[in-house]
């Protein structure tokens, strides 16, 4: 998947959000737990969702240079990322975009 954006339906956005909400890892970083996803969505759908999540995370690399770190703090940069992800990916919910932006923010700190 390319980093210039995807059309994401509301059901996929909901599944992305659910996957982050139900992460069972204990490291504190926003993440998904593959085994939990497989038990909920099955192997094939989990692979599809992980591919979409990875693509969204890859997009953060091309969006990050647009953030003016001389004028934005980390929270503002995260919000910028959330908005940019939604803009580039029609149908991506605010909640799903927020999870990806939180992952980005965690990596930046």
C-alpha atoms as a PDB file:
ATOM      1  CA  UNK A   1       0.000   0.000   0.000  1.00  0.00           C
ATOM      2  CA  UNK A   2       1.257   3.435  -0.822  1.00  0.00           C
ATOM      3  CA  UNK A   3       1.621   6.247   1.657  1.00  0.00           C
ATOM      4  CA  UNK A   4      -0.433   8.753  -0.315  1.00  0.00           C
ATOM      5  CA  UNK A   5      -3.665   7.542   1.205  1.00  0.00           C
ATOM      6  CA  UNK A   6      -6.421   4.982   1.046  1.00  0.00           C
ATOM      7  CA  UNK A   7     -10.185   4.971   1.119  1.00  0.00           C
ATOM      8  CA  UNK A   8     -11.079   3.370   4.426  1.00  0.00           C
ATOM      9  CA  UNK A   9     -14.651   2.379   5.186  1.00  0.00           C
ATOM     10  CA  UNK A  10     -16.246   2.974   8.571  1.00  0.00           C
ATOM     11  CA  UNK A  11     -16.222  -0.739   9.444  1.00  0.00           C
ATOM     12  CA  UNK A  12     -12.453  -0.908   8.905  1.00  0.00           C
ATOM     13  CA  UNK A  13     -11.957   2.235  11.002  1.00  0.00           C
ATOM     14  CA  UNK A  14     -13.992   0.664  13.788  1.00  0.00           C
ATOM     15  CA  UNK A  15     -11.897  -2.510  13.612  1.00  0.00           C
ATOM     16  CA  UNK A  16      -8.662  -0.506  13.758  1.00  0.00           C
ATOM     17  CA  UNK A  17      -9.909   1.374  16.808  1.00  0.00           C
ATOM     18  CA  UNK A  18     -11.084  -1.867  18.472  1.00  0.00           C
ATOM     19  CA  UNK A  19      -7.698  -3.486  17.836  1.00  0.00           C
ATOM     20  CA  UNK A  20      -5.824  -0.673  19.583  1.00  0.00           C
ATOM     21  CA  UNK A  21      -8.422  -0.491  22.386  1.00  0.00           C
ATOM     22  CA  UNK A  22      -7.951  -4.213  23.110  1.00  0.00           C
ATOM     23  CA  UNK A  23      -4.143  -4.380  22.997  1.00  0.00           C
ATOM     24  CA  UNK A  24      -2.889  -6.631  25.782  1.00  0.00           C
ATOM     25  CA  UNK A  25       0.770  -5.643  25.754  1.00  0.00           C
ATOM     26  CA  UNK A  26       2.203  -3.956  28.820  1.00  0.00           C
ATOM     27  CA  UNK A  27       4.869  -1.682  27.323  1.00  0.00           C
ATOM     28  CA  UNK A  28       2.705   1.444  27.288  1.00  0.00           C
ATOM     29  CA  UNK A  29       3.142   2.141  23.580  1.00  0.00           C
ATOM     30  CA  UNK A  30       0.004   2.255  21.435  1.00  0.00           C
ATOM     31  CA  UNK A  31      -0.088  -1.150  19.737  1.00  0.00           C
ATOM     32  CA  UNK A  32      -2.285  -4.015  18.633  1.00  0.00           C
ATOM     33  CA  UNK A  33      -2.087  -7.622  19.797  1.00  0.00           C
ATOM     34  CA  UNK A  34      -2.212  -9.960  16.825  1.00  0.00           C
ATOM     35  CA  UNK A  35      -3.613 -12.933  18.770  1.00  0.00           C
ATOM     36  CA  UNK A  36      -6.465 -10.815  20.147  1.00  0.00           C
ATOM     37  CA  UNK A  37      -7.242  -9.577  16.646  1.00  0.00           C
ATOM     38  CA  UNK A  38      -7.215 -13.124  15.242  1.00  0.00           C
ATOM     39  CA  UNK A  39      -9.639 -14.307  17.934  1.00  0.00           C
ATOM     40  CA  UNK A  40     -12.012 -11.459  17.025  1.00  0.00           C
ATOM     41  CA  UNK A  41     -11.590 -11.151  13.231  1.00  0.00           C
ATOM     42  CA  UNK A  42      -9.911 -14.348  12.017  1.00  0.00           C
ATOM     43  CA  UNK A  43      -6.538 -14.789  10.352  1.00  0.00           C
ATOM     44  CA  UNK A  44      -7.329 -13.300   6.934  1.00  0.00           C
ATOM     45  CA  UNK A  45      -9.045 -10.158   8.223  1.00  0.00           C
ATOM     46  CA  UNK A  46      -6.318  -9.637  10.825  1.00  0.00           C
ATOM     47  CA  UNK A  47      -3.664  -9.716   8.087  1.00  0.00           C
ATOM     48  CA  UNK A  48      -5.663  -7.180   6.072  1.00  0.00           C
ATOM     49  CA  UNK A  49      -6.072  -4.887   9.083  1.00  0.00           C
ATOM     50  CA  UNK A  50      -2.405  -5.133  10.077  1.00  0.00           C
ATOM     51  CA  UNK A  51      -1.466  -4.219   6.503  1.00  0.00           C
ATOM     52  CA  UNK A  52      -3.662  -1.129   6.667  1.00  0.00           C
ATOM     53  CA  UNK A  53      -2.296  -0.147  10.085  1.00  0.00           C
ATOM     54  CA  UNK A  54       1.281  -0.563   8.823  1.00  0.00           C
ATOM     55  CA  UNK A  55       0.496   1.563   5.783  1.00  0.00           C
ATOM     56  CA  UNK A  56      -0.965   4.296   7.989  1.00  0.00           C
ATOM     57  CA  UNK A  57       2.121   4.195  10.208  1.00  0.00           C
ATOM     58  CA  UNK A  58       4.327   4.456   7.112  1.00  0.00           C
ATOM     59  CA  UNK A  59       2.363   7.531   6.055  1.00  0.00           C
ATOM     60  CA  UNK A  60       3.448   9.269   9.240  1.00  0.00           C
ATOM     61  CA  UNK A  61       7.003   9.276   7.849  1.00  0.00           C
ATOM     62  CA  UNK A  62       5.963  11.379   4.867  1.00  0.00           C
ATOM     63  CA  UNK A  63       3.709  13.639   6.942  1.00  0.00           C
ATOM     64  CA  UNK A  64       6.221  14.330   9.733  1.00  0.00           C
ATOM     65  CA  UNK A  65       8.350  16.795   7.678  1.00  0.00           C
ATOM     66  CA  UNK A  66       5.227  18.981   7.349  1.00  0.00           C
ATOM     67  CA  UNK A  67       5.154  19.519  11.122  1.00  0.00           C
ATOM     68  CA  UNK A  68       6.839  22.754  12.162  1.00  0.00           C
ATOM     69  CA  UNK A  69       8.535  21.627  15.354  1.00  0.00           C
ATOM     70  CA  UNK A  70       9.732  25.185  16.005  1.00  0.00           C
ATOM     71  CA  UNK A  71       6.086  26.210  16.512  1.00  0.00           C
ATOM     72  CA  UNK A  72       4.413  23.020  17.703  1.00  0.00           C
ATOM     73  CA  UNK A  73       4.867  20.944  20.817  1.00  0.00           C
ATOM     74  CA  UNK A  74       4.415  17.161  20.801  1.00  0.00           C
ATOM     75  CA  UNK A  75       0.672  17.313  21.515  1.00  0.00           C
ATOM     76  CA  UNK A  76       0.144  19.800  18.685  1.00  0.00           C
ATOM     77  CA  UNK A  77       2.239  17.647  16.364  1.00  0.00           C
ATOM     78  CA  UNK A  78       0.106  14.643  17.272  1.00  0.00           C
ATOM     79  CA  UNK A  79      -3.074  16.577  16.484  1.00  0.00           C
ATOM     80  CA  UNK A  80      -1.552  17.742  13.181  1.00  0.00           C
ATOM     81  CA  UNK A  81      -0.762  14.109  12.346  1.00  0.00           C
ATOM     82  CA  UNK A  82      -4.283  12.970  13.226  1.00  0.00           C
ATOM     83  CA  UNK A  83      -5.806  15.611  10.948  1.00  0.00           C
ATOM     84  CA  UNK A  84      -3.363  14.873   8.111  1.00  0.00           C
ATOM     85  CA  UNK A  85      -4.108  11.144   8.283  1.00  0.00           C
ATOM     86  CA  UNK A  86      -7.838  11.810   8.079  1.00  0.00           C
ATOM     87  CA  UNK A  87      -7.318  14.200   5.181  1.00  0.00           C
ATOM     88  CA  UNK A  88      -5.206  11.687   3.218  1.00  0.00           C
ATOM     89  CA  UNK A  89      -7.406   8.695   3.996  1.00  0.00           C
ATOM     90  CA  UNK A  90     -11.079   9.404   3.319  1.00  0.00           C
ATOM     91  CA  UNK A  91     -13.287   7.484   5.703  1.00  0.00           C
ATOM     92  CA  UNK A  92     -10.634   7.059   8.408  1.00  0.00           C
ATOM     93  CA  UNK A  93     -12.397   7.864  11.655  1.00  0.00           C
ATOM     94  CA  UNK A  94     -11.086  10.430  14.100  1.00  0.00           C
ATOM     95  CA  UNK A  95     -10.643   7.654  16.669  1.00  0.00           C
ATOM     96  CA  UNK A  96      -8.613   5.392  14.364  1.00  0.00           C
ATOM     97  CA  UNK A  97      -6.503   8.354  13.174  1.00  0.00           C
ATOM     98  CA  UNK A  98      -5.932   9.299  16.801  1.00  0.00           C
ATOM     99  CA  UNK A  99      -4.505   5.844  17.578  1.00  0.00           C
ATOM    100  CA  UNK A 100      -2.039   6.076  14.686  1.00  0.00           C
ATOM    101  CA  UNK A 101      -1.130   9.653  15.692  1.00  0.00           C
ATOM    102  CA  UNK A 102      -0.598   8.492  19.289  1.00  0.00           C
ATOM    103  CA  UNK A 103       1.734   5.764  18.035  1.00  0.00           C
ATOM    104  CA  UNK A 104       3.649   8.424  16.058  1.00  0.00           C
ATOM    105  CA  UNK A 105       3.785  10.706  19.090  1.00  0.00           C
ATOM    106  CA  UNK A 106       5.096   7.887  21.280  1.00  0.00           C
ATOM    107  CA  UNK A 107       7.889   7.261  18.778  1.00  0.00           C
ATOM    108  CA  UNK A 108       8.781  10.972  18.605  1.00  0.00           C
ATOM    109  CA  UNK A 109       9.133  11.590  22.322  1.00  0.00           C
END
